[in-house]
Protein backbone atom coordinates (compact mmCIF):
# COMPACT_ATOMS: atom_id res chain seq x y z
CA UNK A 1 60.93 23.20 292.01
CA UNK A 2 62.90 26.04 291.32
CA UNK A 3 65.81 25.72 288.94
CA UNK A 4 65.31 21.76 288.72
CA UNK A 5 62.95 21.00 285.60
CA UNK A 6 65.62 19.63 283.44
CA UNK A 7 65.14 16.30 285.92
CA UNK A 8 61.72 16.11 285.56
CA UNK A 9 61.48 16.30 281.81
CA UNK A 10 64.00 13.50 281.55
CA UNK A 11 61.59 11.48 283.86
CA UNK A 12 59.09 12.22 281.41
CA UNK A 13 60.57 11.47 278.45
CA UNK A 14 62.32 8.05 279.56
CA UNK A 15 58.32 7.41 280.32
CA UNK A 16 57.81 8.43 276.62
CA UNK A 17 60.28 6.35 275.30
CA UNK A 18 59.31 3.24 277.14
CA UNK A 19 56.06 3.35 275.65
CA UNK A 20 53.96 5.17 278.22
CA UNK A 21 50.76 6.63 275.70
CA UNK A 22 49.98 9.78 277.86
CA UNK A 23 52.43 11.05 280.34
CA UNK A 24 51.67 14.55 282.63
CA UNK A 25 54.15 16.48 283.94
CA UNK A 26 53.76 18.78 286.98
CA UNK A 27 56.30 21.20 287.77
CA UNK A 28 56.35 25.40 288.86
CA UNK A 29 54.32 27.12 286.68
CA UNK A 30 57.29 29.69 285.09
CA UNK A 31 58.79 26.34 283.75
CA UNK A 32 56.04 25.04 281.73
CA UNK A 33 56.92 27.20 278.46
CA UNK A 34 60.33 25.96 278.29
CA UNK A 35 59.38 22.32 278.27
CA UNK A 36 56.49 22.42 276.69
CA UNK A 37 58.66 24.07 273.74
CA UNK A 38 61.10 21.30 273.99
CA UNK A 39 59.42 18.37 274.15
CA UNK A 40 55.41 18.95 273.05
CA UNK A 41 54.55 15.20 273.44
CA UNK A 42 54.89 15.58 277.72
CA UNK A 43 51.18 17.45 278.78
CA UNK A 44 53.02 19.69 280.89
CA UNK A 45 50.97 21.64 283.90
CA UNK A 46 52.26 24.20 286.51
CA UNK A 47 50.92 24.04 289.72
CA UNK A 48 51.18 25.94 292.62
CA UNK A 49 49.78 23.68 295.51
CA UNK A 50 49.00 20.16 296.35
CA UNK A 51 45.11 21.44 295.76
CA UNK A 52 46.36 21.98 292.02
CA UNK A 53 47.90 18.68 292.23
CA UNK A 54 45.16 16.73 293.36
CA UNK A 55 42.69 18.11 290.67
CA UNK A 56 44.92 16.12 287.96
CA UNK A 57 45.81 12.94 289.91
CA UNK A 58 41.72 11.06 288.57
CA UNK A 59 43.51 11.41 285.01
CA UNK A 60 47.32 9.04 286.43
CA UNK A 61 47.65 5.15 286.30
CA UNK A 62 51.01 5.89 288.75
CA UNK A 63 52.56 8.55 289.76
CA UNK A 64 56.30 9.36 289.47
CA UNK A 65 57.54 11.38 292.44
CA UNK A 66 60.95 12.70 293.11
CA UNK A 67 62.86 14.67 290.35
CA UNK A 68 63.30 18.27 290.53
CA UNK A 69 61.09 18.47 293.71
CA UNK A 70 63.25 20.02 296.02
CA UNK A 71 62.76 19.85 299.74
CA UNK A 72 60.51 23.05 300.53
CA UNK A 73 57.01 23.70 301.25
CA UNK A 74 56.10 23.23 297.49
CA UNK A 75 57.58 20.07 297.56
CA UNK A 76 56.57 18.51 300.58
CA UNK A 77 52.88 19.73 299.91
CA UNK A 78 53.01 17.55 296.40
CA UNK A 79 54.87 15.01 298.15
CA UNK A 80 52.03 14.83 300.77
CA UNK A 81 49.13 14.40 298.01
CA UNK A 82 50.82 12.04 296.35
CA UNK A 83 50.91 9.38 299.76
CA UNK A 84 47.33 10.50 300.36
CA UNK A 85 46.31 9.39 297.16
CA UNK A 86 46.10 5.43 296.08
CA UNK A 87 48.36 5.41 293.10
CA UNK A 88 51.34 3.43 292.91
CA UNK A 89 53.85 5.61 293.10
CA UNK A 90 57.60 5.75 291.95
CA UNK A 91 59.74 7.46 294.77
CA UNK A 92 63.43 8.93 293.85
CA UNK A 93 65.74 11.70 294.69
CA UNK A 94 64.28 14.57 297.17
CA UNK A 95 61.15 12.68 297.60
CA UNK A 96 62.98 10.36 299.57
CA UNK A 97 65.02 12.88 301.52
CA UNK A 98 61.53 14.00 302.15
CA UNK A 99 60.49 10.58 303.18
CA UNK A 100 63.82 10.12 305.31
CA UNK A 101 62.47 13.11 307.90
CA UNK A 102 58.61 11.53 307.93
CA UNK A 103 59.35 7.86 307.12
CA UNK A 104 55.98 6.26 305.94
CA UNK A 105 55.14 2.50 305.01
CA UNK A 106 53.53 1.16 301.83
CA UNK A 107 52.71 -1.77 299.72
CA UNK A 108 52.21 -0.13 296.11
CA UNK A 109 55.54 1.82 295.69
CA UNK A 110 58.89 1.84 294.11
CA UNK A 111 61.61 3.59 296.44
CA UNK A 112 65.15 4.30 293.72
CA UNK A 113 67.63 5.81 296.62
CA UNK A 114 71.21 6.04 295.89
CA UNK A 115 73.89 4.70 298.61
CA UNK A 116 73.51 9.05 300.04
CA UNK A 117 69.34 8.68 299.71
CA UNK A 118 69.46 5.27 301.46
CA UNK A 119 71.72 5.74 304.30
CA UNK A 120 69.27 9.02 305.06
CA UNK A 121 66.50 6.83 304.77
CA UNK A 122 68.11 4.25 307.12
CA UNK A 123 69.83 7.02 309.37
CA UNK A 124 73.40 5.75 308.57
CA UNK A 125 76.18 7.07 306.82
CA UNK A 126 77.01 6.10 303.06
CA UNK A 127 79.67 4.38 304.42
CA UNK A 128 77.67 1.96 306.04
CA UNK A 129 75.33 0.89 303.36
CA UNK A 130 78.61 0.22 300.79
CA UNK A 131 79.93 -1.84 303.42
CA UNK A 132 76.45 -4.20 303.08
CA UNK A 133 74.42 -3.25 300.31
CA UNK A 134 72.41 -6.23 300.76
CA UNK A 135 71.67 -5.97 304.17
CA UNK A 136 70.96 -2.22 303.51
CA UNK A 137 68.76 -2.87 300.61
CA UNK A 138 66.64 -5.45 302.97
CA UNK A 139 66.44 -3.01 305.63
CA UNK A 140 64.71 -0.35 303.44
CA UNK A 141 62.12 -2.54 302.48
CA UNK A 142 61.36 -3.98 305.78
CA UNK A 143 61.38 -0.32 307.11
CA UNK A 144 59.14 0.85 303.92
CA UNK A 145 57.57 -2.00 302.47
CA UNK A 146 56.89 -1.83 298.60
CA UNK A 147 59.53 -2.96 296.15
CA UNK A 148 63.37 -1.21 296.79
CA UNK A 149 65.60 -0.34 294.34
CA UNK A 150 69.49 0.52 295.35
CA UNK A 151 71.20 2.18 292.96
CA UNK A 152 74.91 1.52 292.08
CA UNK A 153 77.43 -0.61 290.70
CA UNK A 154 75.37 -3.88 291.08
CA UNK A 155 72.15 -2.46 291.30
CA UNK A 156 69.73 -4.38 294.10
CA UNK A 157 66.46 -4.95 293.80
CA UNK A 158 64.47 -6.17 297.12
CA UNK A 159 60.58 -6.95 295.94
CA UNK A 160 57.46 -7.30 298.69
CA UNK A 161 58.39 -10.87 299.39
CA UNK A 162 62.10 -10.04 300.63
CA UNK A 163 63.35 -11.60 297.21
CA UNK A 164 66.69 -9.87 295.80
CA UNK A 165 67.38 -9.54 292.30
CA UNK A 166 70.59 -8.12 291.58
CA UNK A 167 71.69 -6.22 287.70
CA UNK A 168 75.12 -6.59 286.58
CA UNK A 169 74.69 -4.51 283.59
CA UNK A 170 75.18 -1.03 283.52
CA UNK A 171 78.98 1.28 283.53
CA UNK A 172 80.56 4.01 285.53
CA UNK A 173 79.46 6.21 282.63
CA UNK A 174 76.12 6.13 284.65
CA UNK A 175 77.21 8.05 287.11
CA UNK A 176 76.50 11.56 285.56
CA UNK A 177 73.33 13.15 286.82
CA UNK A 178 70.10 12.76 285.53
CA UNK A 179 70.46 9.10 285.15
CA UNK A 180 68.14 8.00 288.06
CA UNK A 181 65.45 10.46 287.00
CA UNK A 182 65.51 8.39 283.56
CA UNK A 183 65.11 5.22 285.77
CA UNK A 184 62.60 6.09 287.66
CA UNK A 185 60.87 6.97 284.08
CA UNK A 186 61.39 4.06 282.91
CA UNK A 187 59.89 2.48 285.75
CA UNK A 188 56.67 4.65 286.08
CA UNK A 189 56.19 3.66 282.36
CA UNK A 190 56.20 -0.15 282.77
CA UNK A 191 53.66 0.24 285.67
CA UNK A 192 52.01 2.50 283.80
CA UNK A 193 51.57 -0.30 281.09
CA UNK A 194 50.03 -2.93 283.66
CA UNK A 195 52.73 -4.58 285.44
CA UNK A 196 53.40 -4.79 289.19
CA UNK A 197 55.88 -2.90 291.19
CA UNK A 198 58.55 -5.79 291.63
CA UNK A 199 58.33 -6.81 287.83
CA UNK A 200 58.56 -3.36 286.73
CA UNK A 201 61.68 -2.55 288.70
CA UNK A 202 63.12 -5.04 287.75
CA UNK A 203 62.69 -5.32 283.95
CA UNK A 204 62.87 -1.16 284.12
CA UNK A 205 66.82 -1.48 285.64
CA UNK A 206 67.53 -4.01 283.48
CA UNK A 207 66.48 -2.31 280.50
CA UNK A 208 68.04 1.22 281.88
CA UNK A 209 71.76 -0.54 282.27
CA UNK A 210 71.01 -2.35 279.01
CA UNK A 211 70.56 1.28 277.41
CA UNK A 212 73.22 2.91 279.22
CA UNK A 213 76.35 0.12 277.82
CA UNK A 214 74.84 0.52 274.16
CA UNK A 215 74.97 4.32 274.82
CA UNK A 216 78.36 4.14 276.13
CA UNK A 217 79.60 2.28 272.93
CA UNK A 218 80.61 5.63 272.08
CA UNK A 219 82.61 6.09 275.19
CA UNK A 220 81.61 6.44 278.69
CA UNK A 221 83.42 9.80 279.33
CA UNK A 222 80.53 12.80 278.86
CA UNK A 223 77.54 9.97 278.48
CA UNK A 224 74.62 12.00 279.26
CA UNK A 225 71.15 10.81 280.96
CA UNK A 226 69.40 12.02 277.50
CA UNK A 227 71.47 9.49 275.22
CA UNK A 228 69.89 6.90 276.67
CA UNK A 229 66.33 7.72 275.24
CA UNK A 230 67.12 6.43 271.30
CA UNK A 231 68.54 2.90 273.02
CA UNK A 232 65.17 2.75 275.43
CA UNK A 233 63.39 3.23 272.37
CA UNK A 234 65.03 0.51 270.32
CA UNK A 235 65.31 -1.85 273.48
CA UNK A 236 61.50 -1.69 274.57
CA UNK A 237 60.26 -2.20 270.59
């Protein structure tokens, strides 16, 4: 949405760095020139409404939605088009906030909330989520289906069978803006290359955390989401 093109670009570039051969990025028309100039490998499309998005979906194998989406009419329309498609989804950021207002259940998707988003999805407080993260992650999976990634210190992944995985890698420097957008792109790239939602989520979380730990070797303070890109490429290769 307006002023939030950076989040979408981070997710798109993360997908490229993790082996997705062709990545299309959908954004507001006024953002296309800047994104294309900065990262020409991304096929950037300016769309004004859901009809324009639907015309692009036949090319896709997986759809990541949320980074830079916003919660206005434009964002709601695009999320509606995504939910109406049969594509596997990775859902993050404002798409989760919109989903909290109009809950849906789906088998082929990965939801990646941080504790604040999880609280909105469950109608709880962030403190309640953090007090029992395991129960919260399970409750999210039961309510929304698919695979749930509850981000935070000790990220939890609950798959479609209800099995739980824990990623203990990562560091406090990952609390900076854009890290979640990168994770969205990583998971989407793995799904696009044939991994099932649950396996893509588990591998994606671990790959993302390992890249962040390598990037933090120079110090956690001032760690940027884009600092992960060279390490994602190394680890994926």
